Structure formats: C-alpha cells, structure tokens
Amino acid sequence: MAKLIYSAIASLDGYIEDSTGNFDWAAPDDEVLAFVNEIERPIGTYLYGRRMYETMRFWETAGGDLSPLEQDYTQLWRAADKIVYSSTIDTVSTKQTRLEREFDADSVRDFVRSQDSDVSIGGPALAGAALKAGLVDECQLFLNPISVGSGKPALPSDVRVGLELLDEQRFGNGVVFLHYRVTG
C-alpha cells in the first residue's frame, strides 16, 4: 500500500523560508541532491499547495545547463503526476498535473490507498492540513545548519504528532536528514 510522505527542507530552527520569503540557504549540494533523488525515485504523485507548485514547476522547463544530478531530479519530477490544491489559480502549466479547488481529507485518503507508488505532499500549509487529518504516514526533514529566526514553519504549531525515528543521515555540508514514521 502506498504511503503519504511529507518532505521538507528546513532551517535548524524549523522554517522552510525566512521572514522575507527567502530560502536560498536551502539549495542542496551534490551529496544531498543525490540522496534526495534516491528517496524521490519511488514517488508516483506529488500533492502541492499553490506556492509550492509555483516553486517546483521550474523543473518542467529546466534547461540543458543542469548538472547530471539536477537532470536526474528533473526526469523524476516530470515522470510523476502532480495534484495542485488551490482556489486562487485558474490553470496549471505543467504536464501530468491536475488542479483541485479544495483539500478534502477523505478524497486524499482514498487516493493514497488506491496508488501503487508512494505519494509526496509538499508545502507546509497543505502538509499541516494532512497531518491534522491523520493522513501523513511519514515525515522526511532535511535540517540545514542555519537558524533564520522566523518565517514559514515546516510543521504546524497547532497539532500534536507522535513520531518514531526510522532513519537519519548526516551530510558533509552539515545538513541532517531525519526520517520519521507518524505514530499518532
């Protein structure tokens, strides 16, 4: 059975972007990107909120000036289906993408159960709604060695979620990967 996995790149103090919306500190180096590519390989569908989709659609038209690791990620991303949850955009501009106007927990639960490949959920607001609804099976966090002080939190502040550590990985650039099973 497929799992719903929340993946996020965050600062050590738990933000995906700083108070000005900047996340340039989150760009993975080659070692981290190679690892990301391997954990993304089994993903069949990405669920995105509007803002995360607008960031990620870069990979639809990314050009030939990419490194081999970036090219690999581009192929993985393009091969996956995408569902964008937004009430503010009119259309989506990437292939294999559909637009949903609202997040319905029961529909998402049924969708994940019907899949042969794992489903990734991206964007802290959308992932927060899924965590609140008890839909997320695993969390994958890449913590960067930087404290940004404030901004958009990677995890919701108004829900309690039990986590069991499944794996951890340290990288040469100071990034730490933490992989958790959601226990309740």
N, C-alpha and C. Protein backbone atom coordinates (compact mmCIF):
# COMPACT_ATOMS: atom_id res chain seq x y z
N MET A 1 0.84 -1.18 0.00
CA MET A 1 0.00 0.00 0.00
C MET A 1 0.89 1.24 0.00
N ALA A 2 0.48 2.23 -0.74
CA ALA A 2 1.23 3.48 -0.84
C ALA A 2 1.19 4.25 0.47
N LYS A 3 2.23 5.05 0.69
CA LYS A 3 2.30 5.92 1.87
C LYS A 3 2.21 7.37 1.42
N LEU A 4 1.69 8.20 2.32
CA LEU A 4 1.72 9.65 2.12
C LEU A 4 2.89 10.18 2.92
N ILE A 5 3.84 10.82 2.23
CA ILE A 5 5.10 11.25 2.83
C ILE A 5 5.23 12.76 2.72
N TYR A 6 5.46 13.40 3.86
CA TYR A 6 5.74 14.84 3.86
C TYR A 6 7.25 15.03 3.90
N SER A 7 7.78 15.70 2.89
CA SER A 7 9.20 16.02 2.82
C SER A 7 9.38 17.52 2.84
N ALA A 8 10.37 17.97 3.60
CA ALA A 8 10.63 19.41 3.67
C ALA A 8 12.10 19.66 3.94
N ILE A 9 12.58 20.74 3.36
CA ILE A 9 13.91 21.25 3.67
C ILE A 9 13.68 22.42 4.60
N ALA A 10 14.33 22.40 5.76
CA ALA A 10 14.08 23.42 6.78
C ALA A 10 15.38 23.89 7.41
N SER A 11 15.30 25.07 8.03
CA SER A 11 16.41 25.56 8.85
C SER A 11 16.43 24.75 10.15
N LEU A 12 17.50 24.84 10.87
CA LEU A 12 17.59 24.12 12.15
C LEU A 12 16.51 24.55 13.11
N ASP A 13 16.08 25.81 13.02
CA ASP A 13 15.01 26.28 13.90
C ASP A 13 13.61 26.04 13.31
N GLY A 14 13.54 25.25 12.23
CA GLY A 14 12.26 24.73 11.78
C GLY A 14 11.49 25.52 10.74
N TYR A 15 12.15 26.37 9.97
CA TYR A 15 11.45 27.17 8.96
C TYR A 15 11.86 26.74 7.55
N ILE A 16 10.88 26.76 6.63
CA ILE A 16 11.20 26.44 5.23
C ILE A 16 11.63 27.68 4.46
N GLU A 17 11.30 28.84 4.99
CA GLU A 17 11.76 30.11 4.43
C GLU A 17 11.85 31.12 5.55
N ASP A 18 12.66 32.14 5.36
CA ASP A 18 12.80 33.15 6.41
C ASP A 18 11.65 34.15 6.35
N SER A 19 11.69 35.17 7.18
CA SER A 19 10.58 36.12 7.29
C SER A 19 10.37 36.96 6.02
N THR A 20 11.35 36.98 5.11
CA THR A 20 11.19 37.70 3.85
C THR A 20 10.82 36.77 2.70
N GLY A 21 10.63 35.48 2.99
CA GLY A 21 10.29 34.51 1.95
C GLY A 21 11.50 33.90 1.26
N ASN A 22 12.67 34.19 1.76
CA ASN A 22 13.91 33.71 1.17
C ASN A 22 14.21 32.28 1.64
N PHE A 23 14.64 31.43 0.70
CA PHE A 23 15.07 30.08 1.06
C PHE A 23 16.31 29.67 0.28
N ASP A 24 17.13 30.66 -0.11
CA ASP A 24 18.34 30.36 -0.88
C ASP A 24 19.32 29.49 -0.10
N TRP A 25 19.24 29.52 1.21
CA TRP A 25 20.08 28.70 2.07
C TRP A 25 19.72 27.21 1.99
N ALA A 26 18.61 26.87 1.36
CA ALA A 26 18.11 25.50 1.34
C ALA A 26 18.56 24.71 0.11
N ALA A 27 19.26 25.34 -0.83
CA ALA A 27 19.67 24.63 -2.05
C ALA A 27 20.60 23.48 -1.69
N PRO A 28 20.27 22.26 -2.11
CA PRO A 28 21.11 21.11 -1.75
C PRO A 28 22.39 21.07 -2.56
N ASP A 29 23.47 20.62 -1.92
CA ASP A 29 24.70 20.39 -2.67
C ASP A 29 24.59 19.02 -3.36
N ASP A 30 25.63 18.60 -4.06
CA ASP A 30 25.57 17.35 -4.83
C ASP A 30 25.32 16.13 -3.95
N GLU A 31 25.95 16.07 -2.79
CA GLU A 31 25.76 14.92 -1.91
C GLU A 31 24.31 14.81 -1.45
N VAL A 32 23.73 15.93 -1.04
CA VAL A 32 22.34 15.93 -0.58
C VAL A 32 21.40 15.66 -1.75
N LEU A 33 21.65 16.28 -2.90
CA LEU A 33 20.78 16.09 -4.05
C LEU A 33 20.79 14.63 -4.52
N ALA A 34 21.93 13.98 -4.50
CA ALA A 34 21.98 12.55 -4.87
C ALA A 34 21.10 11.73 -3.93
N PHE A 35 21.13 12.06 -2.64
CA PHE A 35 20.29 11.38 -1.65
C PHE A 35 18.81 11.68 -1.90
N VAL A 36 18.50 12.94 -2.15
CA VAL A 36 17.12 13.34 -2.45
C VAL A 36 16.60 12.56 -3.65
N ASN A 37 17.40 12.46 -4.69
CA ASN A 37 16.97 11.74 -5.89
C ASN A 37 16.59 10.30 -5.56
N GLU A 38 17.36 9.66 -4.70
CA GLU A 38 17.07 8.27 -4.36
C GLU A 38 15.78 8.13 -3.54
N ILE A 39 15.54 9.05 -2.63
CA ILE A 39 14.30 8.92 -1.84
C ILE A 39 13.08 9.39 -2.63
N GLU A 40 13.29 10.19 -3.67
CA GLU A 40 12.18 10.64 -4.51
C GLU A 40 11.84 9.63 -5.60
N ARG A 41 12.75 8.73 -5.90
CA ARG A 41 12.56 7.79 -7.01
C ARG A 41 11.25 7.00 -6.90
N PRO A 42 10.81 6.55 -5.70
CA PRO A 42 9.55 5.78 -5.63
C PRO A 42 8.27 6.62 -5.65
N ILE A 43 8.39 7.93 -5.71
CA ILE A 43 7.20 8.79 -5.66
C ILE A 43 6.47 8.76 -7.00
N GLY A 44 5.17 8.49 -6.95
CA GLY A 44 4.37 8.47 -8.16
C GLY A 44 3.55 9.72 -8.36
N THR A 45 3.23 10.41 -7.25
CA THR A 45 2.41 11.62 -7.31
C THR A 45 2.88 12.62 -6.27
N TYR A 46 2.90 13.88 -6.66
CA TYR A 46 3.18 14.98 -5.74
C TYR A 46 1.89 15.74 -5.50
N LEU A 47 1.58 16.01 -4.24
CA LEU A 47 0.48 16.89 -3.86
C LEU A 47 1.09 18.21 -3.42
N TYR A 48 0.65 19.30 -4.02
CA TYR A 48 1.22 20.61 -3.73
C TYR A 48 0.14 21.63 -3.40
N GLY A 49 0.48 22.55 -2.51
CA GLY A 49 -0.26 23.79 -2.39
C GLY A 49 0.20 24.71 -3.50
N ARG A 50 -0.48 25.82 -3.69
CA ARG A 50 -0.18 26.74 -4.78
C ARG A 50 1.27 27.23 -4.77
N ARG A 51 1.69 27.70 -3.64
CA ARG A 51 3.03 28.30 -3.58
C ARG A 51 4.13 27.28 -3.85
N MET A 52 4.00 26.07 -3.29
CA MET A 52 5.00 25.04 -3.54
C MET A 52 4.98 24.64 -5.02
N TYR A 53 3.80 24.55 -5.58
CA TYR A 53 3.70 24.24 -7.01
C TYR A 53 4.39 25.32 -7.85
N GLU A 54 4.16 26.56 -7.53
CA GLU A 54 4.79 27.65 -8.28
C GLU A 54 6.31 27.59 -8.19
N THR A 55 6.82 27.13 -7.07
CA THR A 55 8.27 26.96 -6.92
C THR A 55 8.76 25.75 -7.72
N MET A 56 8.04 24.65 -7.62
CA MET A 56 8.50 23.39 -8.22
C MET A 56 8.31 23.32 -9.73
N ARG A 57 7.42 24.10 -10.28
CA ARG A 57 7.18 23.99 -11.73
C ARG A 57 8.41 24.42 -12.54
N PHE A 58 9.39 25.00 -11.91
CA PHE A 58 10.67 25.28 -12.55
C PHE A 58 11.19 24.03 -13.28
N TRP A 59 10.99 22.86 -12.66
CA TRP A 59 11.55 21.62 -13.19
C TRP A 59 10.88 21.18 -14.49
N GLU A 60 9.74 21.74 -14.81
CA GLU A 60 9.06 21.40 -16.06
C GLU A 60 9.83 21.92 -17.28
N THR A 61 10.45 23.08 -17.14
CA THR A 61 11.12 23.70 -18.28
C THR A 61 12.62 23.88 -18.05
N ALA A 62 13.15 23.28 -16.99
CA ALA A 62 14.57 23.42 -16.68
C ALA A 62 15.39 23.00 -17.90
N GLY A 63 16.39 23.79 -18.21
CA GLY A 63 17.15 23.59 -19.44
C GLY A 63 18.33 22.67 -19.33
N GLY A 64 19.13 22.68 -20.38
CA GLY A 64 20.26 21.79 -20.51
C GLY A 64 21.49 22.19 -19.72
N ASP A 65 21.43 23.32 -19.02
CA ASP A 65 22.59 23.77 -18.25
C ASP A 65 22.61 23.16 -16.85
N LEU A 66 21.87 22.08 -16.65
CA LEU A 66 21.78 21.44 -15.34
C LEU A 66 22.89 20.41 -15.17
N SER A 67 23.26 20.19 -13.93
CA SER A 67 24.23 19.13 -13.62
C SER A 67 23.56 17.77 -13.85
N PRO A 68 24.33 16.70 -13.95
CA PRO A 68 23.72 15.38 -14.10
C PRO A 68 22.75 15.04 -12.97
N LEU A 69 23.05 15.45 -11.75
CA LEU A 69 22.13 15.19 -10.63
C LEU A 69 20.84 16.00 -10.77
N GLU A 70 20.96 17.24 -11.22
CA GLU A 70 19.76 18.05 -11.46
C GLU A 70 18.94 17.50 -12.62
N GLN A 71 19.62 16.99 -13.64
CA GLN A 71 18.91 16.36 -14.76
C GLN A 71 18.15 15.12 -14.29
N ASP A 72 18.76 14.35 -13.41
CA ASP A 72 18.10 13.17 -12.84
C ASP A 72 16.86 13.59 -12.07
N TYR A 73 16.98 14.62 -11.24
CA TYR A 73 15.82 15.08 -10.49
C TYR A 73 14.72 15.58 -11.44
N THR A 74 15.12 16.29 -12.47
CA THR A 74 14.17 16.80 -13.45
C THR A 74 13.37 15.65 -14.06
N GLN A 75 14.03 14.59 -14.43
CA GLN A 75 13.34 13.43 -15.02
C GLN A 75 12.39 12.79 -14.01
N LEU A 76 12.82 12.67 -12.77
CA LEU A 76 11.95 12.09 -11.73
C LEU A 76 10.71 12.94 -11.55
N TRP A 77 10.91 14.26 -11.47
CA TRP A 77 9.78 15.17 -11.24
C TRP A 77 8.82 15.15 -12.41
N ARG A 78 9.35 15.19 -13.61
CA ARG A 78 8.48 15.21 -14.79
C ARG A 78 7.70 13.91 -14.95
N ALA A 79 8.27 12.80 -14.53
CA ALA A 79 7.60 11.50 -14.68
C ALA A 79 6.44 11.32 -13.70
N ALA A 80 6.45 12.04 -12.61
CA ALA A 80 5.42 11.90 -11.58
C ALA A 80 4.18 12.71 -11.93
N ASP A 81 3.04 12.24 -11.44
CA ASP A 81 1.81 13.03 -11.52
C ASP A 81 1.85 14.11 -10.44
N LYS A 82 1.10 15.19 -10.67
CA LYS A 82 1.02 16.27 -9.70
C LYS A 82 -0.44 16.66 -9.52
N ILE A 83 -0.81 16.95 -8.27
CA ILE A 83 -2.12 17.50 -7.95
C ILE A 83 -1.88 18.78 -7.17
N VAL A 84 -2.44 19.87 -7.66
CA VAL A 84 -2.26 21.17 -7.02
C VAL A 84 -3.58 21.57 -6.36
N TYR A 85 -3.52 21.92 -5.08
CA TYR A 85 -4.69 22.36 -4.33
C TYR A 85 -4.63 23.87 -4.22
N SER A 86 -5.55 24.54 -4.92
CA SER A 86 -5.56 26.00 -4.89
C SER A 86 -6.92 26.53 -5.31
N SER A 87 -7.36 27.52 -4.61
CA SER A 87 -8.59 28.21 -5.01
C SER A 87 -8.27 29.53 -5.70
N THR A 88 -6.97 29.84 -5.87
CA THR A 88 -6.59 31.15 -6.42
C THR A 88 -6.00 31.10 -7.81
N ILE A 89 -5.55 29.95 -8.29
CA ILE A 89 -5.05 29.89 -9.66
C ILE A 89 -6.12 29.30 -10.57
N ASP A 90 -6.08 29.71 -11.83
CA ASP A 90 -7.09 29.26 -12.79
C ASP A 90 -6.70 28.00 -13.53
N THR A 91 -5.41 27.86 -13.81
CA THR A 91 -4.93 26.71 -14.56
C THR A 91 -3.56 26.29 -14.04
N VAL A 92 -3.16 25.10 -14.43
CA VAL A 92 -1.81 24.62 -14.15
C VAL A 92 -1.05 24.60 -15.48
N SER A 93 0.26 24.77 -15.39
CA SER A 93 1.05 24.92 -16.61
C SER A 93 2.04 23.78 -16.83
N THR A 94 1.91 22.71 -16.07
CA THR A 94 2.83 21.59 -16.21
C THR A 94 2.06 20.35 -16.65
N LYS A 95 2.77 19.44 -17.31
CA LYS A 95 2.17 18.19 -17.77
C LYS A 95 1.87 17.30 -16.56
N GLN A 96 0.96 16.37 -16.79
CA GLN A 96 0.60 15.38 -15.77
C GLN A 96 0.17 16.04 -14.47
N THR A 97 -0.53 17.17 -14.58
CA THR A 97 -0.92 17.95 -13.41
C THR A 97 -2.41 18.25 -13.47
N ARG A 98 -3.06 18.09 -12.33
CA ARG A 98 -4.47 18.50 -12.27
C ARG A 98 -4.65 19.44 -11.09
N LEU A 99 -5.67 20.27 -11.20
CA LEU A 99 -5.98 21.29 -10.21
C LEU A 99 -7.20 20.85 -9.41
N GLU A 100 -7.09 20.93 -8.10
CA GLU A 100 -8.21 20.69 -7.18
C GLU A 100 -8.46 21.98 -6.43
N ARG A 101 -9.67 22.39 -6.31
CA ARG A 101 -10.01 23.66 -5.66
C ARG A 101 -9.91 23.61 -4.15
N GLU A 102 -10.13 22.44 -3.55
CA GLU A 102 -10.04 22.36 -2.09
C GLU A 102 -9.47 21.03 -1.66
N PHE A 103 -8.86 21.03 -0.50
CA PHE A 103 -8.29 19.83 0.09
C PHE A 103 -9.40 19.09 0.83
N ASP A 104 -9.69 17.88 0.39
CA ASP A 104 -10.68 17.04 1.04
C ASP A 104 -9.96 15.81 1.60
N ALA A 105 -9.90 15.71 2.91
CA ALA A 105 -9.13 14.65 3.57
C ALA A 105 -9.59 13.26 3.14
N ASP A 106 -10.89 13.04 3.05
CA ASP A 106 -11.38 11.71 2.66
C ASP A 106 -10.96 11.36 1.23
N SER A 107 -11.02 12.32 0.34
CA SER A 107 -10.61 12.07 -1.05
C SER A 107 -9.11 11.77 -1.13
N VAL A 108 -8.31 12.51 -0.36
CA VAL A 108 -6.87 12.27 -0.36
C VAL A 108 -6.58 10.89 0.23
N ARG A 109 -7.23 10.54 1.32
CA ARG A 109 -7.04 9.21 1.93
C ARG A 109 -7.35 8.12 0.90
N ASP A 110 -8.48 8.24 0.22
CA ASP A 110 -8.87 7.25 -0.78
C ASP A 110 -7.87 7.21 -1.94
N PHE A 111 -7.42 8.39 -2.36
CA PHE A 111 -6.45 8.45 -3.45
C PHE A 111 -5.17 7.73 -3.07
N VAL A 112 -4.61 8.02 -1.91
CA VAL A 112 -3.35 7.39 -1.49
C VAL A 112 -3.54 5.88 -1.41
N ARG A 113 -4.62 5.43 -0.83
CA ARG A 113 -4.88 3.98 -0.72
C ARG A 113 -4.97 3.30 -2.08
N SER A 114 -5.38 4.03 -3.10
CA SER A 114 -5.56 3.44 -4.43
C SER A 114 -4.27 3.40 -5.25
N GLN A 115 -3.21 3.99 -4.76
CA GLN A 115 -1.97 4.12 -5.53
C GLN A 115 -1.03 2.93 -5.31
N ASP A 116 -0.26 2.62 -6.36
CA ASP A 116 0.77 1.60 -6.27
C ASP A 116 2.10 2.20 -5.83
N SER A 117 2.28 3.52 -6.06
CA SER A 117 3.52 4.22 -5.69
C SER A 117 3.22 5.22 -4.59
N ASP A 118 4.25 5.52 -3.80
CA ASP A 118 4.09 6.48 -2.71
C ASP A 118 3.71 7.85 -3.24
N VAL A 119 3.08 8.63 -2.36
CA VAL A 119 2.61 9.98 -2.68
C VAL A 119 3.34 10.94 -1.75
N SER A 120 3.85 12.02 -2.31
CA SER A 120 4.55 13.04 -1.54
C SER A 120 3.65 14.26 -1.41
N ILE A 121 3.65 14.86 -0.24
CA ILE A 121 2.88 16.09 -0.03
C ILE A 121 3.87 17.20 0.30
N GLY A 122 3.76 18.30 -0.40
CA GLY A 122 4.70 19.39 -0.24
C GLY A 122 4.01 20.71 0.01
N GLY A 123 4.65 21.51 0.81
CA GLY A 123 4.09 22.79 1.22
C GLY A 123 3.57 22.66 2.63
N PRO A 124 4.00 23.52 3.53
CA PRO A 124 3.66 23.34 4.95
C PRO A 124 2.18 23.50 5.27
N ALA A 125 1.47 24.35 4.57
CA ALA A 125 0.04 24.51 4.87
C ALA A 125 -0.73 23.26 4.47
N LEU A 126 -0.47 22.77 3.27
CA LEU A 126 -1.15 21.56 2.80
C LEU A 126 -0.74 20.36 3.66
N ALA A 127 0.54 20.23 3.93
CA ALA A 127 1.00 19.13 4.77
C ALA A 127 0.43 19.25 6.18
N GLY A 128 0.31 20.47 6.70
CA GLY A 128 -0.29 20.68 8.01
C GLY A 128 -1.73 20.20 8.05
N ALA A 129 -2.49 20.48 6.99
CA ALA A 129 -3.88 20.01 6.92
C ALA A 129 -3.91 18.48 6.89
N ALA A 130 -2.99 17.88 6.15
CA ALA A 130 -2.94 16.42 6.09
C ALA A 130 -2.50 15.82 7.42
N LEU A 131 -1.57 16.46 8.11
CA LEU A 131 -1.16 15.99 9.44
C LEU A 131 -2.32 16.08 10.42
N LYS A 132 -3.04 17.18 10.40
CA LYS A 132 -4.20 17.36 11.28
C LYS A 132 -5.26 16.30 11.02
N ALA A 133 -5.41 15.90 9.77
CA ALA A 133 -6.41 14.91 9.39
C ALA A 133 -5.93 13.47 9.61
N GLY A 134 -4.68 13.32 10.05
CA GLY A 134 -4.15 11.99 10.31
C GLY A 134 -3.81 11.21 9.04
N LEU A 135 -3.49 11.91 7.96
CA LEU A 135 -3.23 11.25 6.69
C LEU A 135 -1.76 10.94 6.43
N VAL A 136 -0.85 11.67 7.05
CA VAL A 136 0.57 11.54 6.75
C VAL A 136 1.13 10.31 7.46
N ASP A 137 1.80 9.46 6.67
CA ASP A 137 2.41 8.25 7.20
C ASP A 137 3.85 8.46 7.65
N GLU A 138 4.57 9.30 6.91
CA GLU A 138 5.98 9.53 7.22
C GLU A 138 6.35 10.99 6.99
N CYS A 139 7.34 11.46 7.74
CA CYS A 139 7.92 12.80 7.56
C CYS A 139 9.40 12.65 7.27
N GLN A 140 9.87 13.36 6.27
CA GLN A 140 11.27 13.39 5.90
C GLN A 140 11.72 14.84 5.96
N LEU A 141 12.60 15.13 6.90
CA LEU A 141 13.05 16.51 7.10
C LEU A 141 14.55 16.62 6.85
N PHE A 142 14.91 17.60 6.05
CA PHE A 142 16.31 17.93 5.82
C PHE A 142 16.58 19.21 6.60
N LEU A 143 17.31 19.11 7.70
CA LEU A 143 17.60 20.27 8.53
C LEU A 143 18.94 20.87 8.14
N ASN A 144 18.91 22.15 7.77
CA ASN A 144 20.10 22.86 7.34
C ASN A 144 20.76 23.56 8.52
N PRO A 145 22.09 23.66 8.49
CA PRO A 145 22.81 24.28 9.59
C PRO A 145 22.74 25.80 9.55
N ILE A 146 21.52 26.29 9.73
CA ILE A 146 21.28 27.73 9.77
C ILE A 146 20.05 27.97 10.62
N SER A 147 20.08 29.05 11.37
CA SER A 147 18.90 29.50 12.12
C SER A 147 18.46 30.81 11.49
N VAL A 148 17.20 30.86 11.02
CA VAL A 148 16.72 32.05 10.33
C VAL A 148 15.84 32.93 11.22
N GLY A 149 15.52 32.45 12.41
CA GLY A 149 14.83 33.28 13.39
C GLY A 149 13.33 33.32 13.31
N SER A 150 12.79 33.38 12.12
CA SER A 150 11.33 33.38 11.94
C SER A 150 11.04 33.15 10.47
N GLY A 151 9.78 32.96 10.15
CA GLY A 151 9.39 32.74 8.78
C GLY A 151 8.24 31.78 8.71
N LYS A 152 8.23 30.95 7.68
CA LYS A 152 7.17 29.96 7.50
C LYS A 152 7.62 28.64 8.11
N PRO A 153 6.91 28.17 9.15
CA PRO A 153 7.32 26.93 9.81
C PRO A 153 7.09 25.70 8.94
N ALA A 154 7.98 24.72 9.06
CA ALA A 154 7.87 23.47 8.31
C ALA A 154 6.75 22.59 8.86
N LEU A 155 6.50 22.70 10.15
CA LEU A 155 5.48 21.88 10.81
C LEU A 155 4.44 22.78 11.46
N PRO A 156 3.19 22.34 11.46
CA PRO A 156 2.14 23.17 12.06
C PRO A 156 2.32 23.30 13.56
N SER A 157 1.96 24.45 14.10
CA SER A 157 2.11 24.68 15.54
C SER A 157 0.88 24.28 16.33
N ASP A 158 -0.20 23.94 15.64
CA ASP A 158 -1.45 23.66 16.35
C ASP A 158 -1.89 22.21 16.26
N VAL A 159 -0.94 21.29 16.06
CA VAL A 159 -1.27 19.87 16.05
C VAL A 159 -0.13 19.09 16.70
N ARG A 160 -0.52 18.13 17.49
CA ARG A 160 0.47 17.26 18.14
C ARG A 160 0.57 15.97 17.33
N VAL A 161 1.81 15.61 16.96
CA VAL A 161 2.04 14.44 16.12
C VAL A 161 3.16 13.62 16.76
N GLY A 162 2.85 12.35 17.06
CA GLY A 162 3.88 11.44 17.55
C GLY A 162 4.73 10.94 16.39
N LEU A 163 6.03 10.83 16.62
CA LEU A 163 6.95 10.42 15.57
C LEU A 163 7.90 9.35 16.08
N GLU A 164 8.19 8.37 15.23
CA GLU A 164 9.17 7.34 15.52
C GLU A 164 10.30 7.46 14.51
N LEU A 165 11.52 7.64 14.98
CA LEU A 165 12.67 7.81 14.09
C LEU A 165 12.95 6.50 13.35
N LEU A 166 12.95 6.57 12.02
CA LEU A 166 13.24 5.40 11.19
C LEU A 166 14.67 5.42 10.65
N ASP A 167 15.18 6.62 10.38
CA ASP A 167 16.49 6.73 9.76
C ASP A 167 17.02 8.14 9.97
N GLU A 168 18.31 8.25 9.90
CA GLU A 168 18.97 9.56 9.96
C GLU A 168 20.21 9.48 9.09
N GLN A 169 20.59 10.62 8.55
CA GLN A 169 21.76 10.70 7.69
C GLN A 169 22.40 12.06 7.88
N ARG A 170 23.71 12.06 8.05
CA ARG A 170 24.46 13.31 8.14
C ARG A 170 25.23 13.51 6.85
N PHE A 171 25.29 14.76 6.41
CA PHE A 171 25.99 15.10 5.19
C PHE A 171 27.17 16.01 5.49
N GLY A 172 28.14 16.02 4.58
CA GLY A 172 29.35 16.80 4.76
C GLY A 172 29.12 18.28 4.92
N ASN A 173 28.04 18.82 4.36
CA ASN A 173 27.77 20.25 4.45
C ASN A 173 27.01 20.63 5.73
N GLY A 174 26.79 19.66 6.62
CA GLY A 174 26.12 19.94 7.90
C GLY A 174 24.62 19.67 7.89
N VAL A 175 24.05 19.35 6.74
CA VAL A 175 22.63 19.01 6.67
C VAL A 175 22.42 17.66 7.35
N VAL A 176 21.30 17.55 8.06
CA VAL A 176 20.92 16.30 8.70
C VAL A 176 19.55 15.90 8.17
N PHE A 177 19.43 14.66 7.71
CA PHE A 177 18.17 14.10 7.25
C PHE A 177 17.57 13.27 8.37
N LEU A 178 16.32 13.53 8.68
CA LEU A 178 15.60 12.78 9.69
C LEU A 178 14.33 12.20 9.05
N HIS A 179 14.17 10.90 9.17
CA HIS A 179 13.03 10.20 8.57
C HIS A 179 12.22 9.57 9.70
N TYR A 180 10.96 9.98 9.79
CA TYR A 180 10.07 9.55 10.87
C TYR A 180 8.83 8.84 10.34
N ARG A 181 8.36 7.89 11.11
CA ARG A 181 7.02 7.33 10.91
C ARG A 181 6.09 8.10 11.83
N VAL A 182 4.94 8.49 11.32
CA VAL A 182 3.94 9.17 12.15
C VAL A 182 3.22 8.10 12.95
N THR A 183 3.20 8.28 14.28
CA THR A 183 2.61 7.26 15.16
C THR A 183 1.31 7.73 15.78
N GLY A 184 0.95 8.95 15.60
CA GLY A 184 -0.33 9.40 16.15
C GLY A 184 -0.30 10.84 16.57
